[in-house]
Amino acid sequence: MARKAPPLPEGADRSAATPGRRSSTDGGWSRTAGVDVPSLTPEPGWTAQHDHLVEFYETESFLVDTVCGFLAPALAAGDAAIVVATPVHQDMFETALGRAGIDLDAARTEGRYLRFDATTLLARFMVDGEPDPIRFRDAIGAALDRAGEGGRRVHVYGEMVALLWEDGNAASTLSLEDLWNDLAVTHRFTLLCAYPMRAFHDESSTAAFKQICDQHTMVIPSESYSLLADPAERSRLVAQLQQQAIALRPEVLRLRAQVGGHAGDRRDRAGERRDQAGGHRDEAGARRDRAGRQRDEAGEHRDQEAERRDTAAERRDDEAERRDVAAERSEASANTRAAADPPTRSALARREAASDRRQASQDRRAGATERVHAEYDRGTALADRGAGASERTHAELDRDTALSDRGASARDREHSSHDHLTGAYQRGAGFVELEREIARARRTGAPLVVAFIDVDGLKAINDAGGHAAGDRMLVAVVNCIRATLRSYDLIMRYGGDEFVCAAGGLDMAEGTKRLTLVNHALARVPEPGSVTVGLAELQADDSPEGLVARADAELYCLRRHRPPTPSCRSRH
């Protein structure tokens, strides 16, 4: 969490240094325009005080004016100044200080003016993209000690935070602001930071912008506000900015809803692709499993064939043994010629047996190879199935994210299309719904009644009980309308205290009867009120705007406390 700068002690002098703008009457600095930038007068017994300011600027000239107005009075009073900026900004500041009558050469000689290249100084204490607290204290603390020798007060201008922010390192920007505030516990100095306003151009920087403001004791707005000398002009500008923010909010929410809807669609498509990929992986796994089973079967066949060959070889060996025994017996007899044939048959049987064993060995090796391939196929099948499961898991995550995106999109659509106070449709979205109601009525041939409702005496309620009382009355009116009409009937907030309702399937008589009950209901709420209602029924050539205008004209006739003229009611 960002740490705020320590507050100033009671009685601290904020008037010693003021950033003026160049006076039109002399070469000095004027306090007639610009923003006051404080210097501090120490109180007795107080040893460490700190003011941490931030300026947001649109142009370089405004930055130069503010920095020069911040540093010039301190240097002129014999105090010290430290500038941590880019070389271009350093030159611009020194030129302005020279024009303001500051002898920078003398200040340098006396050790009262120090300048540092912001990028070089930043590199001295950044570690892995983050500011290191110890290195920061060593680098900055030494400069503060040097500038503050002899009890001099020190004014520091720094734009290292701006460099970090423009590099996209928001976290380190906030950390560095905190380190400056922490350093104020042990050192006495006044610090001015500055950021170009263009760096905060998108909505994603809103939270960090607020946090940066909270880390400072004073915020200097950009020149479009700060250069307005008339308080009334400043108030008007603030009011205009507030109105613009309110006016832009529905459009921002609409765009968010649109983006959220597109994001949900993309996530759903990604989920479908992942599901398909998971299916393909499963099919590949099944194919691998089938191949593994086939290889296992082939291995079994090879093993069985090897067993048969081994069995045949055993039989051939047995036959050879018998033939050898017979040959030996024959050799022992006298008839050697008759005994010569069995050893030949025996040798032949042994050769056949050896051949069978070699073939059996080959079969066994082939069977082992088939089993190795089968094991590999099963391993690949398992990997494919694992990948398929992973794809399905990612698909489920994509669908969950898509659901979340669509939920956020629906909420944004709800906020952009509905009035945040009463929950009724806002005017733009309400007319879209009214067009649908008109199209439905013309398609089905059913009647459609539109009511223009104005809250009676809302200004008097605001004057008597404040705007909170008026807001409660508006909410009560919408609640009573909802209770009187059907859940699917349209309620639109047309203006501040004006509402438009559309009820399909009701004619004038039924619409009048239902809307008369609104005042009965309002009479029973804790803070009673009333409304005036003008009704108009849809005609063949009505546009949404024309139909609402006729209902408004009817209300106008009723408000004049006389029966509606034929011209008012001629088209009911």
Protein backbone atom coordinates (compact mmCIF):
# COMPACT_ATOMS: atom_id res chain seq x y z
CA MET A 1 0.00 0.00 0.00
CA ALA A 2 1.30 3.46 -0.85
CA ARG A 3 2.45 5.54 2.09
CA LYS A 4 1.28 9.14 2.24
CA ALA A 5 3.81 11.89 2.77
CA PRO A 6 4.10 12.97 6.42
CA PRO A 7 1.85 15.96 7.15
CA LEU A 8 3.34 19.36 7.76
CA PRO A 9 3.73 20.44 11.38
CA GLU A 10 1.28 22.99 12.64
CA GLY A 11 2.43 26.49 11.80
CA ALA A 12 4.78 25.51 9.00
CA ASP A 13 5.32 28.41 6.60
CA ARG A 14 4.03 27.67 3.09
CA SER A 15 4.74 31.12 1.71
CA ALA A 16 8.49 31.33 1.40
CA ALA A 17 8.62 29.93 -2.10
CA THR A 18 5.99 30.41 -4.75
CA PRO A 19 6.12 29.36 -8.37
CA GLY A 20 5.09 32.43 -10.21
CA ARG A 21 4.91 33.20 -13.88
CA ARG A 22 7.16 35.73 -15.50
CA SER A 23 5.90 39.18 -14.62
CA SER A 24 5.01 41.48 -17.46
CA THR A 25 6.43 44.46 -15.59
CA ASP A 26 9.88 43.29 -14.44
CA GLY A 27 12.45 40.57 -14.87
CA GLY A 28 11.66 38.86 -11.60
CA TRP A 29 9.03 36.42 -10.50
CA SER A 30 5.45 37.30 -9.69
CA ARG A 31 2.99 35.65 -7.27
CA THR A 32 -0.02 37.05 -9.08
CA ALA A 33 -0.56 33.87 -11.08
CA GLY A 34 0.30 30.23 -10.73
CA VAL A 35 0.22 27.78 -7.87
CA ASP A 36 1.81 28.35 -4.50
CA VAL A 37 4.59 25.83 -3.84
CA PRO A 38 5.49 25.76 -0.15
CA SER A 39 8.77 26.13 1.59
CA LEU A 40 9.08 25.15 5.24
CA THR A 41 10.06 27.11 8.29
CA PRO A 42 11.15 24.66 11.01
CA GLU A 43 9.55 24.85 14.40
CA PRO A 44 11.72 24.63 17.52
CA GLY A 45 12.37 21.05 18.53
CA TRP A 46 11.24 19.62 15.21
CA THR A 47 14.12 17.93 13.36
CA ALA A 48 12.68 16.30 10.26
CA GLN A 49 9.93 17.83 8.19
CA HIS A 50 8.89 17.12 4.66
CA ASP A 51 6.57 18.43 2.00
CA HIS A 52 6.09 16.22 -1.04
CA LEU A 53 4.44 17.92 -4.02
CA VAL A 54 3.48 16.65 -7.43
CA GLU A 55 2.64 18.55 -10.59
CA PHE A 56 0.88 17.23 -13.67
CA TYR A 57 1.77 19.34 -16.70
CA GLU A 58 0.63 19.55 -20.29
CA THR A 59 3.42 21.73 -21.72
CA GLU A 60 7.14 22.05 -21.05
CA SER A 61 6.80 25.78 -20.44
CA PHE A 62 4.41 25.22 -17.53
CA LEU A 63 6.84 22.68 -16.03
CA VAL A 64 9.76 25.10 -16.38
CA ASP A 65 7.75 27.92 -14.74
CA THR A 66 6.75 25.73 -11.80
CA VAL A 67 10.23 24.27 -11.20
CA CYS A 68 11.87 27.69 -11.47
CA GLY A 69 9.31 29.18 -9.10
CA PHE A 70 9.99 26.30 -6.71
CA LEU A 71 13.80 26.55 -6.74
CA ALA A 72 14.50 30.27 -7.32
CA PRO A 73 13.29 31.59 -3.93
CA ALA A 74 15.24 28.88 -2.07
CA LEU A 75 18.48 29.63 -3.92
CA ALA A 76 17.94 33.38 -3.55
CA ALA A 77 17.54 32.91 0.24
CA GLY A 78 20.84 31.03 0.52
CA ASP A 79 19.30 27.59 0.74
CA ALA A 80 20.09 24.60 -1.48
CA ALA A 81 18.51 23.05 -4.55
CA ILE A 82 18.94 19.60 -6.10
CA VAL A 83 17.73 18.93 -9.64
CA VAL A 84 17.31 15.32 -10.79
CA ALA A 85 16.16 15.56 -14.40
CA THR A 86 17.00 14.76 -17.98
CA PRO A 87 19.80 16.86 -19.49
CA VAL A 88 17.30 18.69 -21.72
CA HIS A 89 15.17 19.69 -18.73
CA GLN A 90 18.25 20.65 -16.69
CA ASP A 91 19.30 23.12 -19.37
CA MET A 92 15.79 24.57 -19.60
CA PHE A 93 15.57 25.00 -15.82
CA GLU A 94 19.00 26.63 -15.56
CA THR A 95 18.18 29.06 -18.35
CA ALA A 96 15.00 30.10 -16.52
CA LEU A 97 16.82 30.39 -13.18
CA GLY A 98 19.46 32.59 -14.80
CA ARG A 99 16.77 34.88 -16.18
CA ALA A 100 15.30 35.06 -12.70
CA GLY A 101 18.57 36.47 -11.42
CA ILE A 102 19.99 33.33 -9.78
CA ASP A 103 23.80 33.03 -9.89
CA LEU A 104 24.10 29.28 -10.43
CA ASP A 105 27.91 29.35 -10.71
CA ALA A 106 28.16 30.81 -7.21
CA ALA A 107 25.59 28.33 -5.92
CA ARG A 108 27.60 25.44 -7.39
CA THR A 109 30.81 26.75 -5.84
CA GLU A 110 29.12 26.97 -2.44
CA GLY A 111 27.70 23.47 -2.81
CA ARG A 112 24.12 24.79 -2.81
CA TYR A 113 23.19 23.65 -6.31
CA LEU A 114 23.54 20.01 -7.35
CA ARG A 115 22.28 18.46 -10.57
CA PHE A 116 22.02 14.78 -11.51
CA ASP A 117 21.04 13.03 -14.69
CA ALA A 118 17.79 11.24 -13.78
CA THR A 119 18.55 8.14 -15.86
CA THR A 120 22.09 7.75 -14.47
CA LEU A 121 21.03 8.27 -10.86
CA LEU A 122 18.14 5.86 -11.30
CA ALA A 123 20.51 3.14 -12.50
CA ARG A 124 22.53 3.44 -9.28
CA PHE A 125 19.76 2.02 -7.09
CA MET A 126 17.56 -0.04 -9.44
CA VAL A 127 17.96 -3.83 -9.00
CA ASP A 128 16.04 -6.25 -11.28
CA GLY A 129 13.67 -3.48 -12.33
CA GLU A 130 12.85 -2.38 -8.76
CA PRO A 131 14.31 0.39 -6.55
CA ASP A 132 16.54 -1.03 -3.81
CA PRO A 133 15.85 0.83 -0.51
CA ILE A 134 19.42 0.64 0.80
CA ARG A 135 21.02 1.80 -2.46
CA PHE A 136 18.41 4.55 -2.73
CA ARG A 137 19.21 5.85 0.77
CA ASP A 138 22.93 5.72 0.04
CA ALA A 139 22.62 7.60 -3.27
CA ILE A 140 20.00 10.21 -2.36
CA GLY A 141 20.88 10.56 1.33
CA ALA A 142 24.48 11.50 0.48
CA ALA A 143 23.30 14.24 -1.88
CA LEU A 144 20.86 15.61 0.72
CA ASP A 145 23.59 15.63 3.38
CA ARG A 146 25.94 17.50 1.06
CA ALA A 147 23.37 20.08 0.01
CA GLY A 148 22.09 20.58 3.56
CA GLU A 149 25.47 21.36 5.15
CA GLY A 150 25.36 24.22 7.64
CA GLY A 151 21.65 23.76 8.31
CA ARG A 152 20.54 24.80 4.83
CA ARG A 153 17.03 23.85 3.80
CA VAL A 154 16.97 21.70 0.67
CA HIS A 155 14.52 21.89 -2.23
CA VAL A 156 14.59 18.85 -4.54
CA TYR A 157 13.05 18.54 -7.97
CA GLY A 158 12.95 14.97 -9.32
CA GLU A 159 11.54 13.26 -12.39
CA MET A 160 12.89 9.73 -11.93
CA VAL A 161 9.35 8.58 -11.08
CA ALA A 162 8.12 10.00 -14.39
CA LEU A 163 10.80 8.04 -16.28
CA LEU A 164 9.73 4.82 -14.54
CA TRP A 165 6.07 5.50 -15.30
CA GLU A 166 6.73 6.23 -18.98
CA ASP A 167 8.69 2.95 -19.16
CA GLY A 168 5.51 1.16 -18.05
CA ASN A 169 6.88 0.29 -14.60
CA ALA A 170 3.97 1.51 -12.47
CA ALA A 171 4.81 -0.65 -9.45
CA SER A 172 8.35 0.75 -9.20
CA THR A 173 7.00 4.27 -9.67
CA LEU A 174 4.80 3.90 -6.60
CA SER A 175 7.63 2.22 -4.65
CA LEU A 176 10.01 5.07 -5.43
CA GLU A 177 7.45 7.63 -4.25
CA ASP A 178 7.22 5.65 -1.00
CA LEU A 179 11.02 5.64 -0.63
CA TRP A 180 11.10 9.43 -0.89
CA ASN A 181 8.48 9.62 1.89
CA ASP A 182 10.46 7.16 4.01
CA LEU A 183 13.61 9.24 3.55
CA ALA A 184 11.80 12.21 5.14
CA VAL A 185 12.02 10.43 8.49
CA THR A 186 15.78 11.07 8.65
CA HIS A 187 16.31 14.05 6.30
CA ARG A 188 14.77 17.49 5.99
CA PHE A 189 13.83 18.47 2.44
CA THR A 190 10.98 19.68 0.25
CA LEU A 191 10.37 17.58 -2.86
CA LEU A 192 8.60 18.42 -6.11
CA CYS A 193 7.84 15.62 -8.56
CA ALA A 194 6.34 16.11 -12.00
CA TYR A 195 4.55 13.89 -14.50
CA PRO A 196 3.38 14.74 -18.03
CA MET A 197 -0.41 14.50 -18.06
CA ARG A 198 -0.26 12.61 -21.38
CA ALA A 199 1.21 9.64 -19.49
CA PHE A 200 -2.21 9.00 -17.91
CA HIS A 201 -4.25 8.93 -21.10
CA ASP A 202 -6.07 5.62 -20.64
CA GLU A 203 -8.53 4.30 -18.09
CA SER A 204 -6.12 1.62 -16.82
CA SER A 205 -4.00 4.33 -15.17
CA THR A 206 -6.87 5.73 -13.07
CA ALA A 207 -6.17 3.74 -9.90
CA ALA A 208 -2.42 4.41 -10.02
CA PHE A 209 -3.06 8.12 -10.68
CA LYS A 210 -5.18 8.33 -7.53
CA GLN A 211 -2.49 6.46 -5.58
CA ILE A 212 0.19 8.87 -6.79
CA CYS A 213 -1.93 11.81 -5.65
CA ASP A 214 -2.40 10.15 -2.24
CA GLN A 215 1.38 9.81 -1.85
CA HIS A 216 1.85 13.58 -1.97
CA THR A 217 0.98 16.38 0.44
CA MET A 218 -0.02 18.71 -2.40
CA VAL A 219 -1.18 18.16 -5.98
CA ILE A 220 -0.68 20.85 -8.63
CA PRO A 221 -3.17 20.41 -11.48
CA SER A 222 -2.17 20.98 -15.08
CA GLU A 223 -2.12 24.48 -16.54
CA SER A 224 -5.64 24.30 -17.97
CA TYR A 225 -6.75 24.69 -14.34
CA SER A 226 -3.76 26.19 -12.53
CA LEU A 227 -3.44 29.22 -14.84
CA LEU A 228 -7.03 30.30 -14.17
CA ALA A 229 -6.64 33.18 -11.73
CA ASP A 230 -10.35 33.76 -11.11
CA PRO A 231 -11.81 31.34 -8.51
CA ALA A 232 -15.14 31.52 -10.32
CA GLU A 233 -13.48 30.36 -13.55
CA ARG A 234 -11.84 27.49 -11.68
CA SER A 235 -15.21 26.48 -10.20
CA ARG A 236 -16.81 26.58 -13.63
CA LEU A 237 -14.03 24.40 -15.05
CA VAL A 238 -14.43 21.87 -12.23
CA ALA A 239 -18.19 21.77 -12.83
CA GLN A 240 -17.64 21.30 -16.57
CA LEU A 241 -15.18 18.46 -15.97
CA GLN A 242 -17.61 16.79 -13.56
CA GLN A 243 -20.40 17.08 -16.12
CA GLN A 244 -18.16 15.65 -18.84
CA ALA A 245 -17.21 12.75 -16.59
CA ILE A 246 -20.88 12.00 -15.87
CA ALA A 247 -21.83 12.36 -19.52
CA LEU A 248 -19.02 10.08 -20.67
CA ARG A 249 -19.72 7.37 -18.11
CA PRO A 250 -22.62 5.73 -20.01
CA GLU A 251 -20.55 5.69 -23.21
CA VAL A 252 -17.58 4.21 -21.36
CA LEU A 253 -19.81 1.54 -19.86
CA ARG A 254 -21.40 0.86 -23.25
CA LEU A 255 -17.98 0.40 -24.82
CA ARG A 256 -16.94 -1.82 -21.92
CA ALA A 257 -20.07 -3.90 -22.45
CA GLN A 258 -19.34 -4.15 -26.16
CA VAL A 259 -15.74 -5.16 -25.54
CA GLY A 260 -16.82 -7.60 -22.83
CA GLY A 261 -19.32 -9.19 -25.21
CA HIS A 262 -16.68 -9.55 -27.91
CA ALA A 263 -14.27 -10.98 -25.35
CA GLY A 264 -16.89 -13.51 -24.28
CA ASP A 265 -17.45 -14.52 -27.89
CA ARG A 266 -13.71 -14.93 -28.42
CA ARG A 267 -13.40 -17.01 -25.25
CA ASP A 268 -16.27 -19.22 -26.34
CA ARG A 269 -14.71 -19.76 -29.73
CA ALA A 270 -11.40 -20.55 -28.07
CA GLY A 271 -13.19 -23.03 -25.80
CA GLU A 272 -14.78 -24.72 -28.81
CA ARG A 273 -11.40 -24.93 -30.55
CA ARG A 274 -9.84 -26.43 -27.43
CA ASP A 275 -12.69 -28.93 -27.18
CA GLN A 276 -12.13 -29.90 -30.78
CA ALA A 277 -8.40 -30.21 -30.17
CA GLY A 278 -9.16 -32.35 -27.12
CA GLY A 279 -11.36 -34.57 -29.26
CA HIS A 280 -8.60 -34.91 -31.86
CA ARG A 281 -6.13 -35.80 -29.12
CA ASP A 282 -8.49 -38.42 -27.74
CA GLU A 283 -8.94 -39.91 -31.20
CA ALA A 284 -5.15 -40.00 -31.63
CA GLY A 285 -4.88 -41.66 -28.22
CA ALA A 286 -7.45 -44.27 -29.24
CA ARG A 287 -5.53 -44.94 -32.46
CA ARG A 288 -2.32 -45.31 -30.49
CA ASP A 289 -4.02 -47.70 -28.10
CA ARG A 290 -5.28 -49.79 -30.99
CA ALA A 291 -1.81 -49.85 -32.53
CA GLY A 292 -0.38 -50.87 -29.17
CA ARG A 293 -2.85 -53.71 -28.86
CA GLN A 294 -2.04 -54.85 -32.39
CA ARG A 295 1.67 -54.78 -31.62
CA ASP A 296 1.05 -56.71 -28.42
CA GLU A 297 -0.91 -59.29 -30.37
CA ALA A 298 1.89 -59.47 -32.97
CA GLY A 299 4.38 -59.93 -30.15
CA GLU A 300 2.27 -62.74 -28.70
CA HIS A 301 2.13 -64.40 -32.11
CA ARG A 302 5.91 -64.07 -32.41
CA ASP A 303 6.38 -65.56 -28.96
CA GLN A 304 4.03 -68.43 -29.78
CA GLU A 305 5.88 -69.08 -33.03
CA ALA A 306 9.16 -68.98 -31.11
CA GLU A 307 7.76 -71.52 -28.63
CA ARG A 308 6.76 -73.77 -31.51
CA ARG A 309 10.21 -73.46 -33.06
CA ASP A 310 11.84 -74.17 -29.69
CA THR A 311 9.65 -77.24 -29.28
CA ALA A 312 10.54 -78.42 -32.78
CA ALA A 313 14.21 -77.80 -32.05
CA GLU A 314 13.94 -79.85 -28.87
CA ARG A 315 12.38 -82.68 -30.84
CA ARG A 316 15.13 -82.44 -33.46
CA ASP A 317 17.76 -82.46 -30.70
CA ASP A 318 16.17 -85.53 -29.15
CA GLU A 319 16.14 -87.20 -32.57
CA ALA A 320 19.77 -86.26 -33.06
CA GLU A 321 20.67 -87.73 -29.66
CA ARG A 322 18.95 -90.96 -30.54
CA ARG A 323 20.74 -91.05 -33.87
CA ASP A 324 24.07 -90.41 -32.14
CA VAL A 325 23.47 -93.25 -29.72
CA ALA A 326 22.53 -95.55 -32.59
CA ALA A 327 25.66 -94.49 -34.50
CA GLU A 328 27.89 -95.21 -31.54
CA ARG A 329 26.36 -98.64 -31.20
CA SER A 330 26.84 -99.32 -34.89
CA GLU A 331 30.45 -98.29 -34.74
CA ALA A 332 31.03 -100.85 -32.03
CA SER A 333 29.78 -103.65 -34.33
CA ALA A 334 31.73 -105.26 -37.06
CA ASN A 335 29.69 -103.95 -39.92
CA THR A 336 31.18 -100.40 -40.16
CA ARG A 337 29.73 -99.77 -43.62
CA ALA A 338 26.21 -100.23 -42.33
CA ALA A 339 27.00 -97.91 -39.39
CA ALA A 340 28.16 -94.96 -41.47
CA ASP A 341 24.69 -93.75 -42.40
CA PRO A 342 23.11 -92.97 -38.94
CA PRO A 343 25.76 -90.35 -37.93
CA THR A 344 25.07 -88.54 -41.17
CA ARG A 345 21.35 -88.44 -40.41
CA SER A 346 22.18 -87.41 -36.84
CA ALA A 347 24.33 -84.50 -38.00
CA LEU A 348 21.56 -83.41 -40.34
CA ALA A 349 19.03 -83.50 -37.49
CA ARG A 350 21.40 -81.45 -35.29
CA ARG A 351 21.80 -78.83 -38.03
CA GLU A 352 18.01 -78.62 -38.41
CA ALA A 353 17.60 -78.29 -34.65
CA ALA A 354 20.21 -75.49 -34.54
CA SER A 355 18.39 -73.74 -37.38
CA ASP A 356 15.10 -74.05 -35.48
CA ARG A 357 16.72 -72.57 -32.37
CA ARG A 358 18.16 -69.66 -34.37
CA GLN A 359 14.75 -69.02 -35.90
CA ALA A 360 13.14 -69.26 -32.49
CA SER A 361 15.68 -66.74 -31.13
CA GLN A 362 14.89 -64.39 -34.01
CA ASP A 363 11.18 -64.78 -33.33
CA ARG A 364 11.71 -64.01 -29.67
CA ARG A 365 13.74 -60.91 -30.52
CA ALA A 366 11.05 -59.81 -32.96
CA GLY A 367 8.41 -60.42 -30.27
CA ALA A 368 10.43 -58.31 -27.80
CA THR A 369 10.70 -55.54 -30.41
CA GLU A 370 6.95 -55.67 -30.99
CA ARG A 371 6.41 -55.42 -27.24
CA VAL A 372 8.75 -52.39 -27.03
CA HIS A 373 6.80 -50.70 -29.83
CA ALA A 374 3.56 -51.64 -28.10
CA GLU A 375 4.82 -50.04 -24.86
CA TYR A 376 5.83 -46.91 -26.78
CA ASP A 377 2.41 -46.79 -28.45
CA ARG A 378 0.73 -47.09 -25.07
CA GLY A 379 2.95 -44.32 -23.65
CA THR A 380 2.12 -42.07 -26.60
CA ALA A 381 -1.55 -42.91 -26.23
CA LEU A 382 -1.36 -41.93 -22.55
CA ALA A 383 0.35 -38.64 -23.48
CA ASP A 384 -2.30 -37.96 -26.12
CA ARG A 385 -5.06 -38.63 -23.63
CA GLY A 386 -3.31 -36.37 -21.09
CA ALA A 387 -3.06 -33.62 -23.71
CA GLY A 388 -6.72 -34.13 -24.55
CA ALA A 389 -7.66 -33.77 -20.88
CA SER A 390 -5.49 -30.62 -20.66
CA GLU A 391 -7.20 -29.17 -23.72
CA ARG A 392 -10.58 -29.87 -22.17
CA THR A 393 -9.48 -28.25 -18.91
CA HIS A 394 -8.35 -25.15 -20.83
CA ALA A 395 -11.62 -25.22 -22.75
CA GLU A 396 -13.51 -25.23 -19.45
CA LEU A 397 -11.39 -22.32 -18.19
CA ASP A 398 -12.05 -20.46 -21.43
CA ARG A 399 -15.77 -21.03 -21.03
CA ASP A 400 -15.64 -19.88 -17.40
CA THR A 401 -13.76 -16.76 -18.46
CA ALA A 402 -16.23 -16.23 -21.28
CA LEU A 403 -19.07 -16.49 -18.76
CA SER A 404 -17.30 -13.98 -16.52
CA ASP A 405 -16.71 -11.66 -19.49
CA ARG A 406 -20.36 -11.90 -20.46
CA GLY A 407 -21.43 -11.29 -16.86
CA ALA A 408 -19.26 -8.17 -16.67
CA SER A 409 -20.57 -7.15 -20.09
CA ALA A 410 -24.14 -7.60 -18.91
CA ARG A 411 -23.45 -5.51 -15.81
CA ASP A 412 -21.85 -2.81 -17.91
CA ARG A 413 -24.82 -2.88 -20.29
CA GLU A 414 -27.13 -2.65 -17.30
CA HIS A 415 -25.22 0.34 -15.93
CA SER A 416 -24.99 2.02 -19.32
CA SER A 417 -28.68 1.54 -20.16
CA HIS A 418 -30.30 2.07 -16.74
CA ASP A 419 -30.50 5.09 -14.49
CA HIS A 420 -28.26 4.39 -11.48
CA LEU A 421 -30.69 6.05 -9.03
CA THR A 422 -34.07 4.63 -9.98
CA GLY A 423 -33.18 1.60 -12.08
CA ALA A 424 -35.39 2.84 -14.94
CA TYR A 425 -34.06 2.86 -18.49
CA GLN A 426 -32.02 5.90 -19.45
CA ARG A 427 -33.42 8.00 -22.25
CA GLY A 428 -31.33 6.62 -25.12
CA ALA A 429 -31.76 2.97 -24.19
CA GLY A 430 -35.41 3.61 -23.33
CA PHE A 431 -36.20 4.86 -26.83
CA VAL A 432 -34.59 1.72 -28.27
CA GLU A 433 -36.96 -0.36 -26.13
CA LEU A 434 -39.91 1.85 -27.11
CA GLU A 435 -39.16 1.21 -30.79
CA ARG A 436 -39.35 -2.51 -30.07
CA GLU A 437 -42.66 -2.09 -28.24
CA ILE A 438 -44.09 -0.13 -31.18
CA ALA A 439 -42.87 -2.74 -33.68
CA ARG A 440 -44.42 -5.51 -31.57
CA ALA A 441 -47.73 -3.68 -31.30
CA ARG A 442 -47.91 -3.11 -35.06
CA ARG A 443 -46.95 -6.72 -35.76
CA THR A 444 -49.61 -8.15 -33.43
CA GLY A 445 -52.26 -5.46 -33.88
CA ALA A 446 -52.46 -4.96 -30.08
CA PRO A 447 -52.95 -1.46 -28.62
CA LEU A 448 -50.06 0.41 -26.99
CA VAL A 449 -50.37 3.23 -24.46
CA VAL A 450 -47.54 5.61 -23.60
CA ALA A 451 -47.62 7.68 -20.43
CA PHE A 452 -45.61 10.85 -19.82
CA ILE A 453 -45.23 11.22 -16.04
CA ASP A 454 -44.00 14.34 -14.23
CA VAL A 455 -43.30 14.40 -10.49
CA ASP A 456 -45.25 17.20 -8.83
CA GLY A 457 -43.31 19.75 -6.81
CA LEU A 458 -39.90 18.09 -6.96
CA LYS A 459 -38.13 21.46 -6.71
CA ALA A 460 -40.03 22.28 -3.54
CA ILE A 461 -39.09 18.87 -2.12
CA ASN A 462 -35.40 19.55 -2.92
CA ASP A 463 -35.59 23.02 -1.40
CA ALA A 464 -37.24 21.76 1.77
CA GLY A 465 -35.37 18.52 2.39
CA GLY A 466 -32.32 18.68 0.16
CA HIS A 467 -31.52 16.67 -2.94
CA ALA A 468 -31.48 13.45 -0.92
CA ALA A 469 -35.21 13.95 -0.25
CA GLY A 470 -35.77 14.55 -3.97
CA ASP A 471 -33.86 11.38 -4.81
CA ARG A 472 -36.01 9.40 -2.38
CA MET A 473 -39.15 10.77 -4.06
CA LEU A 474 -37.89 9.76 -7.53
CA VAL A 475 -37.15 6.23 -6.29
CA ALA A 476 -40.59 6.05 -4.65
CA VAL A 477 -42.27 7.16 -7.89
CA VAL A 478 -40.53 4.44 -9.93
CA ASN A 479 -41.31 1.81 -7.29
CA CYS A 480 -44.98 2.78 -7.34
CA ILE A 481 -45.04 2.71 -11.16
CA ARG A 482 -43.50 -0.78 -11.10
CA ALA A 483 -46.06 -1.94 -8.56
CA THR A 484 -48.90 -0.58 -10.72
CA LEU A 485 -47.75 -1.74 -14.16
CA ARG A 486 -46.69 -5.22 -15.23
CA SER A 487 -43.15 -6.50 -14.80
CA TYR A 488 -42.42 -6.34 -18.52
CA ASP A 489 -43.78 -2.82 -19.16
CA LEU A 490 -41.24 -0.15 -20.11
CA ILE A 491 -40.21 2.56 -17.62
CA MET A 492 -37.80 5.22 -18.91
CA ARG A 493 -36.33 8.23 -17.10
CA TYR A 494 -36.89 10.95 -19.68
CA GLY A 495 -35.45 13.88 -17.74
CA GLY A 496 -34.73 15.00 -14.19
CA ASP A 497 -38.27 14.51 -12.82
CA GLU A 498 -39.95 13.11 -15.93
CA PHE A 499 -40.60 9.47 -16.80
CA VAL A 500 -42.08 7.73 -19.83
CA CYS A 501 -43.88 4.39 -19.59
CA ALA A 502 -45.13 2.11 -22.36
CA ALA A 503 -47.71 -0.64 -21.79
CA GLY A 504 -48.44 -2.97 -24.70
CA GLY A 505 -51.87 -4.60 -24.90
CA LEU A 506 -53.58 -1.83 -22.89
CA ASP A 507 -56.02 0.67 -24.35
CA MET A 508 -56.60 4.20 -23.08
CA ALA A 509 -59.24 3.19 -20.54
CA GLU A 510 -57.12 0.42 -18.99
CA GLY A 511 -53.97 2.58 -19.09
CA THR A 512 -55.77 5.46 -17.34
CA LYS A 513 -57.09 3.10 -14.69
CA ARG A 514 -53.70 1.59 -13.94
CA LEU A 515 -51.76 4.84 -13.85
CA THR A 516 -54.34 6.49 -11.61
CA LEU A 517 -53.25 3.94 -8.99
CA VAL A 518 -49.75 5.44 -8.98
CA ASN A 519 -50.95 8.48 -7.02
CA HIS A 520 -52.88 6.25 -4.62
CA ALA A 521 -49.66 4.34 -3.95
CA LEU A 522 -47.60 7.52 -3.57
CA ALA A 523 -50.05 8.82 -0.98
CA ARG A 524 -49.17 5.86 1.25
CA VAL A 525 -45.35 6.07 1.18
CA PRO A 526 -43.46 7.51 4.20
CA GLU A 527 -42.79 10.75 2.29
CA PRO A 528 -46.01 11.17 0.22
CA GLY A 529 -45.98 12.74 -3.21
CA SER A 530 -47.93 12.85 -6.43
CA VAL A 531 -47.45 12.82 -10.20
CA THR A 532 -49.23 14.20 -13.24
CA VAL A 533 -49.74 11.76 -16.10
CA GLY A 534 -50.38 12.44 -19.79
CA LEU A 535 -51.48 9.50 -21.96
CA ALA A 536 -51.33 8.83 -25.69
CA GLU A 537 -52.30 5.72 -27.65
CA LEU A 538 -50.25 4.50 -30.62
CA GLN A 539 -51.52 5.58 -34.03
CA ALA A 540 -50.57 4.21 -37.43
CA ASP A 541 -48.13 7.00 -38.35
CA ASP A 542 -46.59 7.55 -34.90
CA SER A 543 -42.85 7.58 -34.46
CA PRO A 544 -41.45 6.93 -30.97
CA GLU A 545 -40.63 10.63 -30.56
CA GLY A 546 -44.03 11.71 -31.90
CA LEU A 547 -45.90 9.34 -29.59
CA VAL A 548 -43.99 10.61 -26.55
CA ALA A 549 -44.55 14.23 -27.67
CA ARG A 550 -48.33 13.65 -27.79
CA ALA A 551 -48.28 12.19 -24.28
CA ASP A 552 -46.24 15.21 -23.14
CA ALA A 553 -48.77 17.56 -24.74
CA GLU A 554 -51.56 15.78 -22.86
CA LEU A 555 -49.66 16.28 -19.61
CA TYR A 556 -49.20 19.97 -20.46
CA CYS A 557 -52.94 20.34 -20.95
CA LEU A 558 -53.61 18.71 -17.58
CA ARG A 559 -51.04 20.91 -15.86
CA ARG A 560 -52.87 24.02 -17.06
CA HIS A 561 -55.79 22.89 -14.85
CA ARG A 562 -58.36 22.82 -17.61
CA PRO A 563 -59.93 19.99 -19.54
CA PRO A 564 -57.85 18.92 -22.49
CA THR A 565 -58.83 20.64 -25.70
CA PRO A 566 -59.77 18.60 -28.74
CA SER A 567 -56.39 19.44 -30.22
CA CYS A 568 -54.73 17.90 -27.18
CA ARG A 569 -56.76 14.70 -27.30
CA SER A 570 -57.59 14.43 -30.93
CA ARG A 571 -55.19 11.55 -31.58
CA HIS A 572 -55.81 9.29 -28.56
